[in-house]
Amino acid sequence: MKRTQLFLSVVLFFLLSSCGHVSSVSSASLLVVIEKDHSDEEHWIIAYDPNNQTEEEAFQIMVGDELLWSHIKVDEEYAATYKKEGDKPWVLEEIN
């Protein structure tokens, strides 16, 4: 009986702990910036990887630093790293 309770407790623990896990994906690629915009509190670019995507497949990447965002130019190609956590948008980590 105690072994069954222990087993069920362990299984329940793993099930509950896996529910809180947020998967994240990091990527590094060339990016061509085709658009940039901002709201009062957020800054972002619209870009695509010219080696793997077309301009029609461009996606939004949030830029946390306004100064960095101001230096990014439309129609320029950059080497960049960016990250996505769960359902949140892509976030720029580094751009050169």
N, C-alpha and C. Protein backbone atom coordinates (compact mmCIF):
# COMPACT_ATOMS: atom_id res chain seq x y z
N MET A 1 0.81 -1.19 0.00
CA MET A 1 0.00 0.00 0.00
C MET A 1 0.86 1.26 0.00
N LYS A 2 1.90 1.26 0.84
CA LYS A 2 2.77 2.43 0.90
C LYS A 2 3.54 2.61 -0.40
N ARG A 3 3.91 1.51 -1.03
CA ARG A 3 4.63 1.61 -2.30
C ARG A 3 3.74 2.23 -3.37
N THR A 4 2.47 1.87 -3.38
CA THR A 4 1.52 2.43 -4.34
C THR A 4 1.34 3.92 -4.11
N GLN A 5 1.23 4.31 -2.86
CA GLN A 5 1.08 5.74 -2.54
C GLN A 5 2.33 6.51 -2.93
N LEU A 6 3.50 5.95 -2.67
CA LEU A 6 4.75 6.59 -3.05
C LEU A 6 4.84 6.73 -4.56
N PHE A 7 4.51 5.65 -5.26
CA PHE A 7 4.54 5.69 -6.72
C PHE A 7 3.60 6.76 -7.26
N LEU A 8 2.37 6.80 -6.76
CA LEU A 8 1.40 7.79 -7.21
C LEU A 8 1.85 9.21 -6.88
N SER A 9 2.48 9.40 -5.73
CA SER A 9 2.99 10.71 -5.35
C SER A 9 4.09 11.18 -6.29
N VAL A 10 4.98 10.27 -6.65
CA VAL A 10 6.07 10.62 -7.57
C VAL A 10 5.50 10.96 -8.95
N VAL A 11 4.58 10.16 -9.44
CA VAL A 11 3.96 10.42 -10.75
C VAL A 11 3.24 11.76 -10.73
N LEU A 12 2.49 12.03 -9.68
CA LEU A 12 1.78 13.30 -9.55
C LEU A 12 2.75 14.47 -9.51
N PHE A 13 3.86 14.32 -8.80
CA PHE A 13 4.87 15.37 -8.73
C PHE A 13 5.41 15.69 -10.11
N PHE A 14 5.76 14.67 -10.89
CA PHE A 14 6.30 14.90 -12.22
C PHE A 14 5.27 15.52 -13.16
N LEU A 15 4.04 15.10 -13.05
CA LEU A 15 2.99 15.69 -13.88
C LEU A 15 2.79 17.16 -13.57
N LEU A 16 2.73 17.50 -12.30
CA LEU A 16 2.54 18.89 -11.91
C LEU A 16 3.75 19.76 -12.24
N SER A 17 4.94 19.24 -12.07
CA SER A 17 6.13 20.03 -12.37
C SER A 17 6.31 20.25 -13.86
N SER A 18 5.83 19.33 -14.68
CA SER A 18 5.96 19.50 -16.12
C SER A 18 4.97 20.53 -16.66
N CYS A 19 3.89 20.79 -15.95
CA CYS A 19 2.90 21.77 -16.39
C CYS A 19 3.44 23.19 -16.32
N GLY A 20 4.36 23.45 -15.43
CA GLY A 20 4.90 24.79 -15.27
C GLY A 20 6.05 25.10 -16.20
N HIS A 21 6.52 24.13 -16.94
CA HIS A 21 7.68 24.33 -17.82
C HIS A 21 7.29 25.11 -19.07
N VAL A 22 8.04 26.16 -19.36
CA VAL A 22 7.84 26.94 -20.57
C VAL A 22 9.00 26.65 -21.50
N SER A 23 8.70 26.14 -22.67
CA SER A 23 9.77 25.83 -23.61
C SER A 23 10.28 27.11 -24.25
N SER A 24 11.55 27.13 -24.56
CA SER A 24 12.13 28.28 -25.22
C SER A 24 12.96 27.80 -26.40
N VAL A 25 13.03 28.65 -27.41
CA VAL A 25 13.77 28.36 -28.62
C VAL A 25 14.67 29.54 -28.91
N SER A 26 15.95 29.28 -29.13
CA SER A 26 16.88 30.32 -29.54
C SER A 26 17.28 30.07 -30.97
N SER A 27 17.54 31.15 -31.70
CA SER A 27 17.93 31.02 -33.09
C SER A 27 18.98 32.07 -33.42
N ALA A 28 19.84 31.75 -34.35
CA ALA A 28 20.83 32.69 -34.86
C ALA A 28 20.80 32.59 -36.37
N SER A 29 20.73 33.72 -37.04
CA SER A 29 20.67 33.71 -38.50
C SER A 29 20.95 35.10 -39.04
N LEU A 30 21.05 35.17 -40.35
CA LEU A 30 21.04 36.46 -41.01
C LEU A 30 19.61 36.95 -41.02
N LEU A 31 19.41 38.23 -40.90
CA LEU A 31 18.08 38.83 -40.97
C LEU A 31 18.11 40.02 -41.90
N VAL A 32 17.11 40.12 -42.76
CA VAL A 32 16.89 41.33 -43.55
C VAL A 32 15.70 42.03 -42.92
N VAL A 33 15.92 43.26 -42.47
CA VAL A 33 14.86 44.03 -41.82
C VAL A 33 14.04 44.72 -42.91
N ILE A 34 12.73 44.47 -42.93
CA ILE A 34 11.89 45.09 -43.96
C ILE A 34 10.98 46.17 -43.38
N GLU A 35 10.88 46.22 -42.05
CA GLU A 35 10.01 47.20 -41.42
C GLU A 35 10.41 47.32 -39.96
N LYS A 36 10.18 48.48 -39.38
CA LYS A 36 10.35 48.66 -37.93
C LYS A 36 9.29 49.62 -37.44
N ASP A 37 8.86 49.41 -36.20
CA ASP A 37 7.79 50.24 -35.66
C ASP A 37 7.85 50.19 -34.15
N HIS A 38 6.99 50.96 -33.51
CA HIS A 38 6.96 50.99 -32.05
C HIS A 38 5.62 51.50 -31.57
N SER A 39 5.33 51.19 -30.32
CA SER A 39 4.19 51.77 -29.61
C SER A 39 4.78 52.59 -28.47
N ASP A 40 3.97 53.02 -27.55
CA ASP A 40 4.49 53.83 -26.45
C ASP A 40 5.55 53.09 -25.63
N GLU A 41 5.38 51.78 -25.48
CA GLU A 41 6.26 51.03 -24.59
C GLU A 41 7.09 49.95 -25.27
N GLU A 42 6.79 49.60 -26.50
CA GLU A 42 7.47 48.49 -27.16
C GLU A 42 8.04 48.91 -28.51
N HIS A 43 9.15 48.26 -28.87
CA HIS A 43 9.80 48.48 -30.16
C HIS A 43 9.99 47.13 -30.83
N TRP A 44 9.82 47.07 -32.15
CA TRP A 44 9.97 45.80 -32.86
C TRP A 44 10.42 46.03 -34.29
N ILE A 45 10.90 44.94 -34.88
CA ILE A 45 11.25 44.93 -36.30
C ILE A 45 10.48 43.78 -36.95
N ILE A 46 10.31 43.89 -38.24
CA ILE A 46 9.77 42.80 -39.06
C ILE A 46 10.93 42.39 -39.97
N ALA A 47 11.29 41.10 -39.93
CA ALA A 47 12.47 40.65 -40.66
C ALA A 47 12.28 39.21 -41.12
N TYR A 48 13.20 38.78 -42.00
CA TYR A 48 13.20 37.39 -42.46
C TYR A 48 14.64 36.95 -42.69
N ASP A 49 14.84 35.65 -42.64
CA ASP A 49 16.16 35.05 -42.90
C ASP A 49 16.27 34.81 -44.40
N PRO A 50 17.12 35.53 -45.12
CA PRO A 50 17.18 35.40 -46.58
C PRO A 50 17.67 34.02 -47.05
N ASN A 51 18.30 33.25 -46.17
CA ASN A 51 18.78 31.92 -46.55
C ASN A 51 17.70 30.85 -46.44
N ASN A 52 16.64 31.11 -45.67
CA ASN A 52 15.64 30.09 -45.42
C ASN A 52 14.20 30.54 -45.64
N GLN A 53 13.99 31.82 -45.86
CA GLN A 53 12.63 32.35 -45.96
C GLN A 53 12.55 33.37 -47.10
N THR A 54 11.31 33.65 -47.46
CA THR A 54 11.07 34.73 -48.41
C THR A 54 10.57 35.94 -47.62
N GLU A 55 10.52 37.05 -48.28
CA GLU A 55 10.05 38.28 -47.63
C GLU A 55 8.61 38.11 -47.12
N GLU A 56 7.81 37.32 -47.82
CA GLU A 56 6.43 37.08 -47.40
C GLU A 56 6.35 36.31 -46.08
N GLU A 57 7.42 35.63 -45.70
CA GLU A 57 7.46 34.87 -44.45
C GLU A 57 8.08 35.66 -43.30
N ALA A 58 8.24 36.95 -43.47
CA ALA A 58 8.85 37.79 -42.43
C ALA A 58 8.05 37.70 -41.14
N PHE A 59 8.74 37.87 -40.01
CA PHE A 59 8.11 37.75 -38.70
C PHE A 59 8.57 38.89 -37.80
N GLN A 60 7.81 39.09 -36.73
CA GLN A 60 8.07 40.18 -35.79
C GLN A 60 9.07 39.74 -34.73
N ILE A 61 10.01 40.64 -34.43
CA ILE A 61 10.98 40.42 -33.36
C ILE A 61 10.96 41.66 -32.47
N MET A 62 10.68 41.46 -31.19
CA MET A 62 10.65 42.56 -30.24
C MET A 62 12.09 42.99 -29.91
N VAL A 63 12.29 44.30 -29.77
CA VAL A 63 13.60 44.86 -29.43
C VAL A 63 13.44 45.58 -28.10
N GLY A 64 14.09 45.07 -27.07
CA GLY A 64 13.92 45.60 -25.73
C GLY A 64 14.61 46.93 -25.48
N ASP A 65 15.62 47.26 -26.26
CA ASP A 65 16.41 48.46 -26.05
C ASP A 65 16.09 49.49 -27.14
N GLU A 66 15.52 50.62 -26.74
CA GLU A 66 15.13 51.66 -27.70
C GLU A 66 16.33 52.20 -28.47
N LEU A 67 17.46 52.37 -27.80
CA LEU A 67 18.66 52.87 -28.47
C LEU A 67 19.13 51.90 -29.55
N LEU A 68 19.13 50.61 -29.23
CA LEU A 68 19.49 49.59 -30.21
C LEU A 68 18.52 49.62 -31.38
N TRP A 69 17.22 49.69 -31.08
CA TRP A 69 16.19 49.73 -32.12
C TRP A 69 16.41 50.93 -33.06
N SER A 70 16.80 52.07 -32.50
CA SER A 70 16.98 53.27 -33.32
C SER A 70 18.14 53.14 -34.30
N HIS A 71 19.11 52.25 -34.01
CA HIS A 71 20.25 52.05 -34.90
C HIS A 71 20.01 51.01 -35.99
N ILE A 72 18.94 50.26 -35.89
CA ILE A 72 18.62 49.24 -36.90
C ILE A 72 17.99 49.95 -38.10
N LYS A 73 18.49 49.62 -39.29
CA LYS A 73 18.00 50.27 -40.51
C LYS A 73 17.19 49.28 -41.36
N VAL A 74 16.13 49.80 -41.95
CA VAL A 74 15.29 49.01 -42.86
C VAL A 74 16.09 48.75 -44.13
N ASP A 75 15.87 47.60 -44.75
CA ASP A 75 16.53 47.13 -45.97
C ASP A 75 18.01 46.83 -45.77
N GLU A 76 18.42 46.59 -44.52
CA GLU A 76 19.79 46.18 -44.21
C GLU A 76 19.78 44.73 -43.76
N GLU A 77 20.92 44.06 -43.94
CA GLU A 77 21.07 42.67 -43.51
C GLU A 77 21.97 42.62 -42.28
N TYR A 78 21.57 41.85 -41.29
CA TYR A 78 22.29 41.74 -40.03
C TYR A 78 22.45 40.27 -39.65
N ALA A 79 23.49 40.00 -38.85
CA ALA A 79 23.61 38.71 -38.17
C ALA A 79 22.97 38.92 -36.80
N ALA A 80 22.06 38.03 -36.42
CA ALA A 80 21.32 38.25 -35.19
C ALA A 80 21.05 36.96 -34.45
N THR A 81 20.85 37.09 -33.13
CA THR A 81 20.35 35.99 -32.31
C THR A 81 19.06 36.48 -31.66
N TYR A 82 18.08 35.58 -31.57
CA TYR A 82 16.79 35.95 -31.01
C TYR A 82 16.18 34.73 -30.36
N LYS A 83 15.26 34.97 -29.43
CA LYS A 83 14.74 33.90 -28.58
C LYS A 83 13.23 34.00 -28.47
N LYS A 84 12.58 32.85 -28.32
CA LYS A 84 11.13 32.79 -28.14
C LYS A 84 10.84 31.87 -26.97
N GLU A 85 10.04 32.35 -26.02
CA GLU A 85 9.64 31.55 -24.87
C GLU A 85 8.14 31.31 -24.91
N GLY A 86 7.75 30.05 -25.01
CA GLY A 86 6.34 29.70 -25.02
C GLY A 86 5.59 30.39 -26.15
N ASP A 87 4.48 31.03 -25.79
CA ASP A 87 3.65 31.73 -26.78
C ASP A 87 4.03 33.20 -26.93
N LYS A 88 5.06 33.64 -26.24
CA LYS A 88 5.48 35.04 -26.32
C LYS A 88 6.13 35.31 -27.68
N PRO A 89 6.22 36.57 -28.08
CA PRO A 89 6.85 36.87 -29.38
C PRO A 89 8.37 36.67 -29.32
N TRP A 90 8.99 36.61 -30.50
CA TRP A 90 10.45 36.54 -30.58
C TRP A 90 11.02 37.81 -29.95
N VAL A 91 12.18 37.67 -29.28
CA VAL A 91 12.86 38.80 -28.64
C VAL A 91 14.30 38.82 -29.14
N LEU A 92 14.74 39.98 -29.60
CA LEU A 92 16.10 40.15 -30.09
C LEU A 92 17.08 40.07 -28.94
N GLU A 93 18.11 39.26 -29.08
CA GLU A 93 19.16 39.16 -28.06
C GLU A 93 20.42 39.90 -28.48
N GLU A 94 20.79 39.78 -29.76
CA GLU A 94 22.00 40.43 -30.25
C GLU A 94 21.86 40.65 -31.75
N ILE A 95 22.43 41.77 -32.24
CA ILE A 95 22.39 42.04 -33.68
C ILE A 95 23.67 42.76 -34.07
N ASN A 96 24.25 42.33 -35.18
CA ASN A 96 25.50 42.92 -35.70
C ASN A 96 25.35 43.25 -37.16
